[in-house]
Amino acid sequence: MKKHYIAVVAGLLEAPPQGWGVIDLPIIADWPNRPLRIVDPLHGKPSLTRWRVLGHDEAGRSTRVELEPITGRSHQLRVHLRELGHPILGDALYASPDVQARADRLLLHAWSLNFIHPVTGEKLAFECPVPF
């Protein structure tokens, strides 16, 4: 399964020099605060996200990014971006109240899904335009 997402994050996230960057931070459930997840280098499960900057909104102090989760942990993209110091706008779980208030919804959208059908072996691809 290959998934690509678009998100708008708080702040002006600097683009990696080689175009795509990698976030490699292990994630585990935050048991006392479920459904939240946290980064835990000792007990977390490996979690890998590729990302790249698509553009900046200087006036809005935000960055549009493309994300490709390599692993599929719950809340992985949201936790990884928060750990970079750039939470997703509108994120009611992982962003501060002021960042939550900058959008009326979570600005995270799966725009492309590709996978091999488990029965037929057919390669399937789906795209959905980003609504923000």
C-alpha atoms as a PDB file:
ATOM      1  CA  MET A   1       0.000   0.000   0.000  1.00  0.00           C
ATOM      2  CA  LYS A   2       1.323   3.410  -0.919  1.00  0.00           C
ATOM      3  CA  LYS A   3      -0.397   6.504   0.487  1.00  0.00           C
ATOM      4  CA  HIS A   4       0.294  10.199  -0.059  1.00  0.00           C
ATOM      5  CA  TYR A   5      -1.185  12.983   2.021  1.00  0.00           C
ATOM      6  CA  ILE A   6      -1.262  16.769   1.876  1.00  0.00           C
ATOM      7  CA  ALA A   7      -1.213  18.755   5.113  1.00  0.00           C
ATOM      8  CA  VAL A   8      -0.932  22.386   6.132  1.00  0.00           C
ATOM      9  CA  VAL A   9       1.248  22.857   9.185  1.00  0.00           C
ATOM     10  CA  ALA A  10       1.931  25.741  11.528  1.00  0.00           C
ATOM     11  CA  GLY A  11       5.066  27.761  10.872  1.00  0.00           C
ATOM     12  CA  LEU A  12       7.466  27.987   7.975  1.00  0.00           C
ATOM     13  CA  LEU A  13       8.973  24.515   7.725  1.00  0.00           C
ATOM     14  CA  GLU A  14      12.324  24.554   5.965  1.00  0.00           C
ATOM     15  CA  ALA A  15      12.567  22.241   2.965  1.00  0.00           C
ATOM     16  CA  PRO A  16      15.133  19.436   3.193  1.00  0.00           C
ATOM     17  CA  PRO A  17      18.142  20.070   0.916  1.00  0.00           C
ATOM     18  CA  GLN A  18      17.552  16.896  -1.128  1.00  0.00           C
ATOM     19  CA  GLY A  19      13.806  17.560  -1.662  1.00  0.00           C
ATOM     20  CA  TRP A  20      12.384  14.770   0.499  1.00  0.00           C
ATOM     21  CA  GLY A  21      13.096  14.443   4.202  1.00  0.00           C
ATOM     22  CA  VAL A  22      12.564  11.523   6.564  1.00  0.00           C
ATOM     23  CA  ILE A  23      11.120  11.512  10.066  1.00  0.00           C
ATOM     24  CA  ASP A  24      12.244   8.399  11.921  1.00  0.00           C
ATOM     25  CA  LEU A  25      10.735   8.502  15.422  1.00  0.00           C
ATOM     26  CA  PRO A  26       9.306   5.486  17.305  1.00  0.00           C
ATOM     27  CA  ILE A  27       5.696   5.846  18.449  1.00  0.00           C
ATOM     28  CA  ILE A  28       3.779   4.197  21.283  1.00  0.00           C
ATOM     29  CA  ALA A  29       0.316   4.672  22.814  1.00  0.00           C
ATOM     30  CA  ASP A  30       0.236   7.242  25.610  1.00  0.00           C
ATOM     31  CA  TRP A  31      -1.694   4.835  27.857  1.00  0.00           C
ATOM     32  CA  PRO A  32      -2.765   7.341  30.550  1.00  0.00           C
ATOM     33  CA  ASN A  33      -3.939   9.762  27.844  1.00  0.00           C
ATOM     34  CA  ARG A  34      -5.421   7.463  25.186  1.00  0.00           C
ATOM     35  CA  PRO A  35      -6.122   7.876  22.290  1.00  0.00           C
ATOM     36  CA  LEU A  36      -2.973  10.036  22.176  1.00  0.00           C
ATOM     37  CA  ARG A  37       0.351   8.665  20.958  1.00  0.00           C
ATOM     38  CA  ILE A  38       3.851   9.775  21.942  1.00  0.00           C
ATOM     39  CA  VAL A  39       7.395   9.348  20.718  1.00  0.00           C
ATOM     40  CA  ASP A  40       9.267   6.890  22.933  1.00  0.00           C
ATOM     41  CA  PRO A  41      12.814   5.925  21.871  1.00  0.00           C
ATOM     42  CA  LEU A  42      12.896   2.923  24.243  1.00  0.00           C
ATOM     43  CA  HIS A  43       9.472   1.321  23.863  1.00  0.00           C
ATOM     44  CA  GLY A  44       8.001   2.873  20.713  1.00  0.00           C
ATOM     45  CA  LYS A  45       7.485   0.931  17.500  1.00  0.00           C
ATOM     46  CA  PRO A  46       9.506   2.019  14.458  1.00  0.00           C
ATOM     47  CA  SER A  47       7.681   4.782  12.583  1.00  0.00           C
ATOM     48  CA  LEU A  48       8.921   6.304   9.350  1.00  0.00           C
ATOM     49  CA  THR A  49       7.464   9.208   7.352  1.00  0.00           C
ATOM     50  CA  ARG A  50       8.813  10.774   4.142  1.00  0.00           C
ATOM     51  CA  TRP A  51       7.930  14.440   3.630  1.00  0.00           C
ATOM     52  CA  ARG A  52       8.559  17.397   1.354  1.00  0.00           C
ATOM     53  CA  VAL A  53       7.621  21.048   1.300  1.00  0.00           C
ATOM     54  CA  LEU A  54       5.176  22.092  -1.431  1.00  0.00           C
ATOM     55  CA  GLY A  55       4.943  25.767  -0.533  1.00  0.00           C
ATOM     56  CA  HIS A  56       4.826  28.440   2.126  1.00  0.00           C
ATOM     57  CA  ASP A  57       2.133  30.944   3.059  1.00  0.00           C
ATOM     58  CA  GLU A  58       4.277  33.744   4.479  1.00  0.00           C
ATOM     59  CA  ALA A  59       1.275  35.839   5.548  1.00  0.00           C
ATOM     60  CA  GLY A  60      -0.452  32.883   7.214  1.00  0.00           C
ATOM     61  CA  ARG A  61       2.818  31.556   8.655  1.00  0.00           C
ATOM     62  CA  SER A  62       2.079  28.042   7.431  1.00  0.00           C
ATOM     63  CA  THR A  63       3.584  25.400   5.140  1.00  0.00           C
ATOM     64  CA  ARG A  64       1.908  22.977   2.731  1.00  0.00           C
ATOM     65  CA  VAL A  65       3.615  19.572   2.819  1.00  0.00           C
ATOM     66  CA  GLU A  66       3.283  16.233   1.086  1.00  0.00           C
ATOM     67  CA  LEU A  67       3.601  13.205   3.359  1.00  0.00           C
ATOM     68  CA  GLU A  68       4.221   9.543   2.637  1.00  0.00           C
ATOM     69  CA  PRO A  69       3.904   7.213   5.629  1.00  0.00           C
ATOM     70  CA  ILE A  70       6.245   4.256   5.163  1.00  0.00           C
ATOM     71  CA  THR A  71       4.929   2.580   8.307  1.00  0.00           C
ATOM     72  CA  GLY A  72       1.304   2.812   9.391  1.00  0.00           C
ATOM     73  CA  ARG A  73       1.154   3.722  13.070  1.00  0.00           C
ATOM     74  CA  SER A  74      -1.968   5.341  14.488  1.00  0.00           C
ATOM     75  CA  HIS A  75      -1.685   9.132  14.384  1.00  0.00           C
ATOM     76  CA  GLN A  76       1.800   8.772  12.868  1.00  0.00           C
ATOM     77  CA  LEU A  77       1.689  11.852  10.616  1.00  0.00           C
ATOM     78  CA  ARG A  78       0.175  14.034  13.315  1.00  0.00           C
ATOM     79  CA  VAL A  79       2.702  12.951  15.958  1.00  0.00           C
ATOM     80  CA  HIS A  80       5.699  13.243  13.620  1.00  0.00           C
ATOM     81  CA  LEU A  81       4.807  16.769  12.509  1.00  0.00           C
ATOM     82  CA  ARG A  82       4.182  17.868  16.082  1.00  0.00           C
ATOM     83  CA  GLU A  83       7.605  16.503  17.025  1.00  0.00           C
ATOM     84  CA  LEU A  84       9.165  18.620  14.262  1.00  0.00           C
ATOM     85  CA  GLY A  85       7.543  21.628  15.950  1.00  0.00           C
ATOM     86  CA  HIS A  86       5.022  22.085  13.127  1.00  0.00           C
ATOM     87  CA  PRO A  87       1.645  20.638  14.149  1.00  0.00           C
ATOM     88  CA  ILE A  88      -1.111  20.326  11.562  1.00  0.00           C
ATOM     89  CA  LEU A  89      -3.574  23.208  11.516  1.00  0.00           C
ATOM     90  CA  GLY A  90      -6.912  22.295  13.089  1.00  0.00           C
ATOM     91  CA  ASP A  91      -5.505  19.283  14.953  1.00  0.00           C
ATOM     92  CA  ALA A  92      -7.639  18.968  18.093  1.00  0.00           C
ATOM     93  CA  LEU A  93      -5.436  16.235  19.592  1.00  0.00           C
ATOM     94  CA  TYR A  94      -1.847  17.317  18.982  1.00  0.00           C
ATOM     95  CA  ALA A  95      -1.847  21.074  18.376  1.00  0.00           C
ATOM     96  CA  SER A  96      -2.001  23.942  20.844  1.00  0.00           C
ATOM     97  CA  PRO A  97      -5.346  25.778  21.086  1.00  0.00           C
ATOM     98  CA  ASP A  98      -4.127  28.648  18.884  1.00  0.00           C
ATOM     99  CA  VAL A  99      -3.012  26.229  16.116  1.00  0.00           C
ATOM    100  CA  GLN A 100      -6.286  24.300  16.437  1.00  0.00           C
ATOM    101  CA  ALA A 101      -8.207  27.540  15.955  1.00  0.00           C
ATOM    102  CA  ARG A 102      -6.409  28.398  12.680  1.00  0.00           C
ATOM    103  CA  ALA A 103      -8.614  25.956  10.739  1.00  0.00           C
ATOM    104  CA  ASP A 104     -12.154  24.669  11.184  1.00  0.00           C
ATOM    105  CA  ARG A 105     -11.001  21.094  10.447  1.00  0.00           C
ATOM    106  CA  LEU A 106      -7.854  19.005  10.502  1.00  0.00           C
ATOM    107  CA  LEU A 107      -5.899  20.092   7.402  1.00  0.00           C
ATOM    108  CA  LEU A 108      -4.722  16.590   6.511  1.00  0.00           C
ATOM    109  CA  HIS A 109      -5.993  14.817   3.389  1.00  0.00           C
ATOM    110  CA  ALA A 110      -5.137  11.472   1.756  1.00  0.00           C
ATOM    111  CA  TRP A 111      -5.034  12.455  -1.905  1.00  0.00           C
ATOM    112  CA  SER A 112      -3.488   9.301  -3.402  1.00  0.00           C
ATOM    113  CA  LEU A 113      -3.807   5.589  -2.554  1.00  0.00           C
ATOM    114  CA  ASN A 114      -2.169   2.761  -4.531  1.00  0.00           C
ATOM    115  CA  PHE A 115      -2.238  -0.930  -3.765  1.00  0.00           C
ATOM    116  CA  ILE A 116      -2.395  -4.412  -5.262  1.00  0.00           C
ATOM    117  CA  HIS A 117      -5.813  -6.060  -4.920  1.00  0.00           C
ATOM    118  CA  PRO A 118      -5.317  -9.021  -2.553  1.00  0.00           C
ATOM    119  CA  VAL A 119      -7.465 -11.408  -4.618  1.00  0.00           C
ATOM    120  CA  THR A 120      -7.077 -10.362  -8.256  1.00  0.00           C
ATOM    121  CA  GLY A 121      -3.525  -9.007  -8.098  1.00  0.00           C
ATOM    122  CA  GLU A 122      -4.705  -5.942 -10.022  1.00  0.00           C
ATOM    123  CA  LYS A 123      -2.883  -2.672  -9.314  1.00  0.00           C
ATOM    124  CA  LEU A 124      -5.422  -0.117  -8.099  1.00  0.00           C
ATOM    125  CA  ALA A 125      -4.881   3.630  -7.838  1.00  0.00           C
ATOM    126  CA  PHE A 126      -7.218   6.249  -6.430  1.00  0.00           C
ATOM    127  CA  GLU A 127      -6.877  10.028  -6.219  1.00  0.00           C
ATOM    128  CA  CYS A 128      -9.038  12.642  -4.546  1.00  0.00           C
ATOM    129  CA  PRO A 129      -8.388  16.375  -4.935  1.00  0.00           C
ATOM    130  CA  VAL A 130      -7.340  18.264  -1.827  1.00  0.00           C
ATOM    131  CA  PRO A 131     -10.303  20.352  -0.553  1.00  0.00           C
ATOM    132  CA  PHE A 132      -8.146  23.024   1.096  1.00  0.00           C
END
